[in-house]
Amino acid sequence: ESGGGSVQAGGSLRLSCAASGYSYVRNCV
């Protein structure tokens, strides 16, 4: 995971999830 941090109320963040050695195919994240 990446993208976390500190933000004030009302702000935005985008978290990312990367999986090494894996492809998202017919599964759940």
PDB file of all heavy atoms in Angstrom:
ATOM      1  N   GLU A   1       0.831  -1.196   0.000  1.00  0.00           N
ATOM      2  CA  GLU A   1       0.000   0.000   0.000  1.00  0.00           C
ATOM      3  C   GLU A   1       0.868   1.249   0.000  1.00  0.00           C
ATOM      4  O   GLU A   1       1.981   1.245   0.529  1.00  0.00           O
ATOM      5  CB  GLU A   1      -0.919   0.035   1.230  1.00  0.00           C
ATOM      6  CG  GLU A   1      -1.779  -1.202   1.425  1.00  0.00           C
ATOM      7  CD  GLU A   1      -1.159  -2.202   2.376  1.00  0.00           C
ATOM      8  OE1 GLU A   1       0.082  -2.208   2.524  1.00  0.00           O
ATOM      9  OE2 GLU A   1      -1.920  -2.980   2.986  1.00  0.00           O
ATOM     10  N   SER A   2       0.324   2.301  -0.559  1.00  0.00           N
ATOM     11  CA  SER A   2       0.986   3.591  -0.531  1.00  0.00           C
ATOM     12  C   SER A   2      -0.066   4.683  -0.623  1.00  0.00           C
ATOM     13  O   SER A   2      -1.217   4.417  -0.957  1.00  0.00           O
ATOM     14  CB  SER A   2       2.002   3.731  -1.672  1.00  0.00           C
ATOM     15  OG  SER A   2       1.366   3.643  -2.937  1.00  0.00           O
ATOM     16  N   GLY A   3       0.334   5.896  -0.324  1.00  0.00           N
ATOM     17  CA  GLY A   3      -0.550   7.038  -0.461  1.00  0.00           C
ATOM     18  C   GLY A   3      -1.105   7.586   0.834  1.00  0.00           C
ATOM     19  O   GLY A   3      -1.805   8.609   0.819  1.00  0.00           O
ATOM     20  N   GLY A   4      -0.815   6.941   1.951  1.00  0.00           N
ATOM     21  CA  GLY A   4      -1.293   7.443   3.222  1.00  0.00           C
ATOM     22  C   GLY A   4      -0.572   8.704   3.637  1.00  0.00           C
ATOM     23  O   GLY A   4       0.432   9.099   3.052  1.00  0.00           O
ATOM     24  N   GLY A   5      -1.110   9.340   4.660  1.00  0.00           N
ATOM     25  CA  GLY A   5      -0.513  10.566   5.158  1.00  0.00           C
ATOM     26  C   GLY A   5      -1.454  11.293   6.079  1.00  0.00           C
ATOM     27  O   GLY A   5      -2.475  10.751   6.507  1.00  0.00           O
ATOM     28  N   SER A   6      -1.105  12.515   6.387  1.00  0.00           N
ATOM     29  CA  SER A   6      -1.916  13.364   7.252  1.00  0.00           C
ATOM     30  C   SER A   6      -2.617  14.426   6.426  1.00  0.00           C
ATOM     31  O   SER A   6      -2.015  15.041   5.538  1.00  0.00           O
ATOM     32  CB  SER A   6      -1.047  14.026   8.324  1.00  0.00           C
ATOM     33  OG  SER A   6      -0.437  13.065   9.168  1.00  0.00           O
ATOM     34  N   VAL A   7      -3.888  14.628   6.720  1.00  0.00           N
ATOM     35  CA  VAL A   7      -4.687  15.581   5.971  1.00  0.00           C
ATOM     36  C   VAL A   7      -5.732  16.182   6.899  1.00  0.00           C
ATOM     37  O   VAL A   7      -6.150  15.554   7.875  1.00  0.00           O
ATOM     38  CB  VAL A   7      -5.357  14.895   4.760  1.00  0.00           C
ATOM     39  CG1 VAL A   7      -6.337  13.829   5.226  1.00  0.00           C
ATOM     40  CG2 VAL A   7      -6.038  15.901   3.861  1.00  0.00           C
ATOM     41  N   GLN A   8      -6.138  17.390   6.602  1.00  0.00           N
ATOM     42  CA  GLN A   8      -7.192  18.025   7.382  1.00  0.00           C
ATOM     43  C   GLN A   8      -8.562  17.535   6.941  1.00  0.00           C
ATOM     44  O   GLN A   8      -8.740  17.056   5.823  1.00  0.00           O
ATOM     45  CB  GLN A   8      -7.122  19.548   7.244  1.00  0.00           C
ATOM     46  CG  GLN A   8      -5.926  20.180   7.931  1.00  0.00           C
ATOM     47  CD  GLN A   8      -5.974  21.690   7.893  1.00  0.00           C
ATOM     48  OE1 GLN A   8      -6.219  22.289   6.846  1.00  0.00           O
ATOM     49  NE2 GLN A   8      -5.751  22.307   9.035  1.00  0.00           N
ATOM     50  N   ALA A   9      -9.513  17.635   7.842  1.00  0.00           N
ATOM     51  CA  ALA A   9     -10.878  17.237   7.528  1.00  0.00           C
ATOM     52  C   ALA A   9     -11.364  17.934   6.267  1.00  0.00           C
ATOM     53  O   ALA A   9     -11.140  19.129   6.077  1.00  0.00           O
ATOM     54  CB  ALA A   9     -11.800  17.550   8.702  1.00  0.00           C
ATOM     55  N   GLY A  10     -12.029  17.158   5.414  1.00  0.00           N
ATOM     56  CA  GLY A  10     -12.499  17.677   4.146  1.00  0.00           C
ATOM     57  C   GLY A  10     -11.545  17.446   3.001  1.00  0.00           C
ATOM     58  O   GLY A  10     -11.925  17.628   1.837  1.00  0.00           O
ATOM     59  N   GLY A  11     -10.330  17.039   3.302  1.00  0.00           N
ATOM     60  CA  GLY A  11      -9.338  16.794   2.280  1.00  0.00           C
ATOM     61  C   GLY A  11      -9.490  15.434   1.638  1.00  0.00           C
ATOM     62  O   GLY A  11     -10.402  14.672   1.945  1.00  0.00           O
ATOM     63  N   SER A  12      -8.559  15.129   0.734  1.00  0.00           N
ATOM     64  CA  SER A  12      -8.608  13.891  -0.029  1.00  0.00           C
ATOM     65  C   SER A  12      -7.259  13.195  -0.033  1.00  0.00           C
ATOM     66  O   SER A  12      -6.217  13.836   0.065  1.00  0.00           O
ATOM     67  CB  SER A  12      -9.029  14.161  -1.475  1.00  0.00           C
ATOM     68  OG  SER A  12     -10.321  14.733  -1.552  1.00  0.00           O
ATOM     69  N   LEU A  13      -7.314  11.885  -0.162  1.00  0.00           N
ATOM     70  CA  LEU A  13      -6.138  11.062  -0.345  1.00  0.00           C
ATOM     71  C   LEU A  13      -6.492   9.930  -1.300  1.00  0.00           C
ATOM     72  O   LEU A  13      -7.644   9.506  -1.349  1.00  0.00           O
ATOM     73  CB  LEU A  13      -5.638  10.472   0.968  1.00  0.00           C
ATOM     74  CG  LEU A  13      -4.948  11.394   1.969  1.00  0.00           C
ATOM     75  CD1 LEU A  13      -4.719  10.650   3.279  1.00  0.00           C
ATOM     76  CD2 LEU A  13      -3.631  11.900   1.413  1.00  0.00           C
ATOM     77  N   ARG A  14      -5.508   9.452  -2.022  1.00  0.00           N
ATOM     78  CA  ARG A  14      -5.692   8.277  -2.856  1.00  0.00           C
ATOM     79  C   ARG A  14      -4.692   7.210  -2.445  1.00  0.00           C
ATOM     80  O   ARG A  14      -3.480   7.404  -2.552  1.00  0.00           O
ATOM     81  CB  ARG A  14      -5.525   8.590  -4.348  1.00  0.00           C
ATOM     82  CG  ARG A  14      -5.921   7.408  -5.240  1.00  0.00           C
ATOM     83  CD  ARG A  14      -5.728   7.679  -6.708  1.00  0.00           C
ATOM     84  NE  ARG A  14      -4.321   7.655  -7.092  1.00  0.00           N
ATOM     85  CZ  ARG A  14      -3.896   7.660  -8.346  1.00  0.00           C
ATOM     86  NH1 ARG A  14      -4.772   7.692  -9.345  1.00  0.00           N
ATOM     87  NH2 ARG A  14      -2.596   7.655  -8.608  1.00  0.00           N
ATOM     88  N   LEU A  15      -5.213   6.101  -1.985  1.00  0.00           N
ATOM     89  CA  LEU A  15      -4.387   4.977  -1.613  1.00  0.00           C
ATOM     90  C   LEU A  15      -4.226   4.042  -2.805  1.00  0.00           C
ATOM     91  O   LEU A  15      -5.151   3.863  -3.595  1.00  0.00           O
ATOM     92  CB  LEU A  15      -4.993   4.209  -0.444  1.00  0.00           C
ATOM     93  CG  LEU A  15      -5.341   5.015   0.808  1.00  0.00           C
ATOM     94  CD1 LEU A  15      -5.846   4.085   1.902  1.00  0.00           C
ATOM     95  CD2 LEU A  15      -4.145   5.824   1.285  1.00  0.00           C
ATOM     96  N   SER A  16      -3.047   3.454  -2.913  1.00  0.00           N
ATOM     97  CA  SER A  16      -2.761   2.521  -3.991  1.00  0.00           C
ATOM     98  C   SER A  16      -2.384   1.169  -3.421  1.00  0.00           C
ATOM     99  O   SER A  16      -1.779   1.081  -2.355  1.00  0.00           O
ATOM    100  CB  SER A  16      -1.611   3.037  -4.863  1.00  0.00           C
ATOM    101  OG  SER A  16      -1.926   4.289  -5.439  1.00  0.00           O
ATOM    102  N   CYS A  17      -2.749   0.131  -4.140  1.00  0.00           N
ATOM    103  CA  CYS A  17      -2.391  -1.228  -3.778  1.00  0.00           C
ATOM    104  C   CYS A  17      -1.763  -1.896  -4.981  1.00  0.00           C
ATOM    105  O   CYS A  17      -2.419  -2.066  -6.009  1.00  0.00           O
ATOM    106  CB  CYS A  17      -3.614  -2.018  -3.306  1.00  0.00           C
ATOM    107  SG  CYS A  17      -3.249  -3.733  -2.874  1.00  0.00           S
ATOM    108  N   ALA A  18      -0.512  -2.260  -4.841  1.00  0.00           N
ATOM    109  CA  ALA A  18       0.209  -2.977  -5.880  1.00  0.00           C
ATOM    110  C   ALA A  18       0.575  -4.354  -5.357  1.00  0.00           C
ATOM    111  O   ALA A  18       1.030  -4.488  -4.220  1.00  0.00           O
ATOM    112  CB  ALA A  18       1.460  -2.221  -6.297  1.00  0.00           C
ATOM    113  N   ALA A  19       0.385  -5.359  -6.174  1.00  0.00           N
ATOM    114  CA  ALA A  19       0.693  -6.732  -5.786  1.00  0.00           C
ATOM    115  C   ALA A  19       1.740  -7.300  -6.718  1.00  0.00           C
ATOM    116  O   ALA A  19       1.467  -7.534  -7.898  1.00  0.00           O
ATOM    117  CB  ALA A  19      -0.564  -7.593  -5.799  1.00  0.00           C
ATOM    118  N   SER A  20       2.915  -7.517  -6.194  1.00  0.00           N
ATOM    119  CA  SER A  20       3.982  -8.084  -6.999  1.00  0.00           C
ATOM    120  C   SER A  20       3.710  -9.558  -7.277  1.00  0.00           C
ATOM    121  O   SER A  20       3.229 -10.290  -6.407  1.00  0.00           O
ATOM    122  CB  SER A  20       5.329  -7.925  -6.290  1.00  0.00           C
ATOM    123  OG  SER A  20       5.323  -8.612  -5.047  1.00  0.00           O
ATOM    124  N   GLY A  21       4.011  -9.975  -8.499  1.00  0.00           N
ATOM    125  CA  GLY A  21       3.849 -11.365  -8.862  1.00  0.00           C
ATOM    126  C   GLY A  21       2.414 -11.841  -8.912  1.00  0.00           C
ATOM    127  O   GLY A  21       2.157 -13.038  -8.756  1.00  0.00           O
ATOM    128  N   TYR A  22       1.490 -10.938  -9.149  1.00  0.00           N
ATOM    129  CA  TYR A  22       0.072 -11.284  -9.137  1.00  0.00           C
ATOM    130  C   TYR A  22      -0.698 -10.368 -10.061  1.00  0.00           C
ATOM    131  O   TYR A  22      -0.368  -9.192 -10.194  1.00  0.00           O
ATOM    132  CB  TYR A  22      -0.479 -11.177  -7.714  1.00  0.00           C
ATOM    133  CG  TYR A  22      -1.860 -11.752  -7.522  1.00  0.00           C
ATOM    134  CD1 TYR A  22      -2.040 -13.120  -7.372  1.00  0.00           C
ATOM    135  CD2 TYR A  22      -2.968 -10.925  -7.485  1.00  0.00           C
ATOM    136  CE1 TYR A  22      -3.297 -13.657  -7.190  1.00  0.00           C
ATOM    137  CE2 TYR A  22      -4.235 -11.450  -7.303  1.00  0.00           C
ATOM    138  CZ  TYR A  22      -4.397 -12.809  -7.156  1.00  0.00           C
ATOM    139  OH  TYR A  22      -5.653 -13.335  -6.969  1.00  0.00           O
ATOM    140  N   SER A  23      -1.711 -10.930 -10.673  1.00  0.00           N
ATOM    141  CA  SER A  23      -2.618 -10.161 -11.514  1.00  0.00           C
ATOM    142  C   SER A  23      -4.026 -10.275 -10.961  1.00  0.00           C
ATOM    143  O   SER A  23      -4.435 -11.336 -10.502  1.00  0.00           O
ATOM    144  CB  SER A  23      -2.591 -10.657 -12.962  1.00  0.00           C
ATOM    145  OG  SER A  23      -1.320 -10.463 -13.546  1.00  0.00           O
ATOM    146  N   TYR A  24      -4.750  -9.173 -11.000  1.00  0.00           N
ATOM    147  CA  TYR A  24      -6.117  -9.162 -10.501  1.00  0.00           C
ATOM    148  C   TYR A  24      -7.048  -9.741 -11.557  1.00  0.00           C
ATOM    149  O   TYR A  24      -7.499  -9.031 -12.465  1.00  0.00           O
ATOM    150  CB  TYR A  24      -6.535  -7.746 -10.140  1.00  0.00           C
ATOM    151  CG  TYR A  24      -5.644  -7.084  -9.119  1.00  0.00           C
ATOM    152  CD1 TYR A  24      -4.942  -5.929  -9.434  1.00  0.00           C
ATOM    153  CD2 TYR A  24      -5.525  -7.613  -7.840  1.00  0.00           C
ATOM    154  CE1 TYR A  24      -4.138  -5.314  -8.498  1.00  0.00           C
ATOM    155  CE2 TYR A  24      -4.721  -7.004  -6.900  1.00  0.00           C
ATOM    156  CZ  TYR A  24      -4.031  -5.854  -7.229  1.00  0.00           C
ATOM    157  OH  TYR A  24      -3.231  -5.242  -6.291  1.00  0.00           O
ATOM    158  N   VAL A  25      -7.333 -11.026 -11.450  1.00  0.00           N
ATOM    159  CA  VAL A  25      -8.185 -11.721 -12.404  1.00  0.00           C
ATOM    160  C   VAL A  25      -9.216 -12.544 -11.648  1.00  0.00           C
ATOM    161  O   VAL A  25      -8.870 -13.515 -10.959  1.00  0.00           O
ATOM    162  CB  VAL A  25      -7.368 -12.625 -13.339  1.00  0.00           C
ATOM    163  CG1 VAL A  25      -8.292 -13.345 -14.304  1.00  0.00           C
ATOM    164  CG2 VAL A  25      -6.332 -11.810 -14.101  1.00  0.00           C
ATOM    165  N   ARG A  26     -10.469 -12.155 -11.773  1.00  0.00           N
ATOM    166  CA  ARG A  26     -11.582 -12.884 -11.165  1.00  0.00           C
ATOM    167  C   ARG A  26     -11.323 -13.195  -9.697  1.00  0.00           C
ATOM    168  O   ARG A  26     -11.449 -14.333  -9.237  1.00  0.00           O
ATOM    169  CB  ARG A  26     -11.879 -14.153 -11.961  1.00  0.00           C
ATOM    170  CG  ARG A  26     -12.275 -13.893 -13.407  1.00  0.00           C
ATOM    171  CD  ARG A  26     -12.725 -15.150 -14.108  1.00  0.00           C
ATOM    172  NE  ARG A  26     -13.968 -15.668 -13.553  1.00  0.00           N
ATOM    173  CZ  ARG A  26     -14.575 -16.768 -13.977  1.00  0.00           C
ATOM    174  NH1 ARG A  26     -14.046 -17.462 -14.975  1.00  0.00           N
ATOM    175  NH2 ARG A  26     -15.698 -17.156 -13.410  1.00  0.00           N
ATOM    176  N   ASN A  27     -10.958 -12.176  -8.987  1.00  0.00           N
ATOM    177  CA  ASN A  27     -10.800 -12.290  -7.553  1.00  0.00           C
ATOM    178  C   ASN A  27     -11.288 -11.003  -6.910  1.00  0.00           C
ATOM    179  O   ASN A  27     -11.843 -10.133  -7.573  1.00  0.00           O
ATOM    180  CB  ASN A  27      -9.347 -12.593  -7.181  1.00  0.00           C
ATOM    181  CG  ASN A  27      -8.389 -11.494  -7.596  1.00  0.00           C
ATOM    182  OD1 ASN A  27      -8.754 -10.537  -8.285  1.00  0.00           O
ATOM    183  ND2 ASN A  27      -7.131 -11.629  -7.165  1.00  0.00           N
ATOM    184  N   CYS A  28     -11.077 -10.891  -5.611  1.00  0.00           N
ATOM    185  CA  CYS A  28     -11.545  -9.724  -4.889  1.00  0.00           C
ATOM    186  C   CYS A  28     -10.379  -8.991  -4.253  1.00  0.00           C
ATOM    187  O   CYS A  28      -9.483  -9.619  -3.682  1.00  0.00           O
ATOM    188  CB  CYS A  28     -12.554 -10.124  -3.811  1.00  0.00           C
ATOM    189  SG  CYS A  28     -13.291  -8.712  -2.945  1.00  0.00           S
ATOM    190  N   VAL A  29     -10.419  -7.691  -4.341  1.00  0.00           N
ATOM    191  CA  VAL A  29      -9.473  -6.836  -3.651  1.00  0.00           C
ATOM    192  C   VAL A  29     -10.249  -6.009  -2.641  1.00  0.00           C
ATOM    193  O   VAL A  29     -11.237  -5.362  -3.000  1.00  0.00           O
ATOM    194  CB  VAL A  29      -8.717  -5.917  -4.618  1.00  0.00           C
ATOM    195  CG1 VAL A  29      -7.719  -5.056  -3.853  1.00  0.00           C
ATOM    196  CG2 VAL A  29      -8.010  -6.742  -5.684  1.00  0.00           C
TER     197      VAL A  29
END
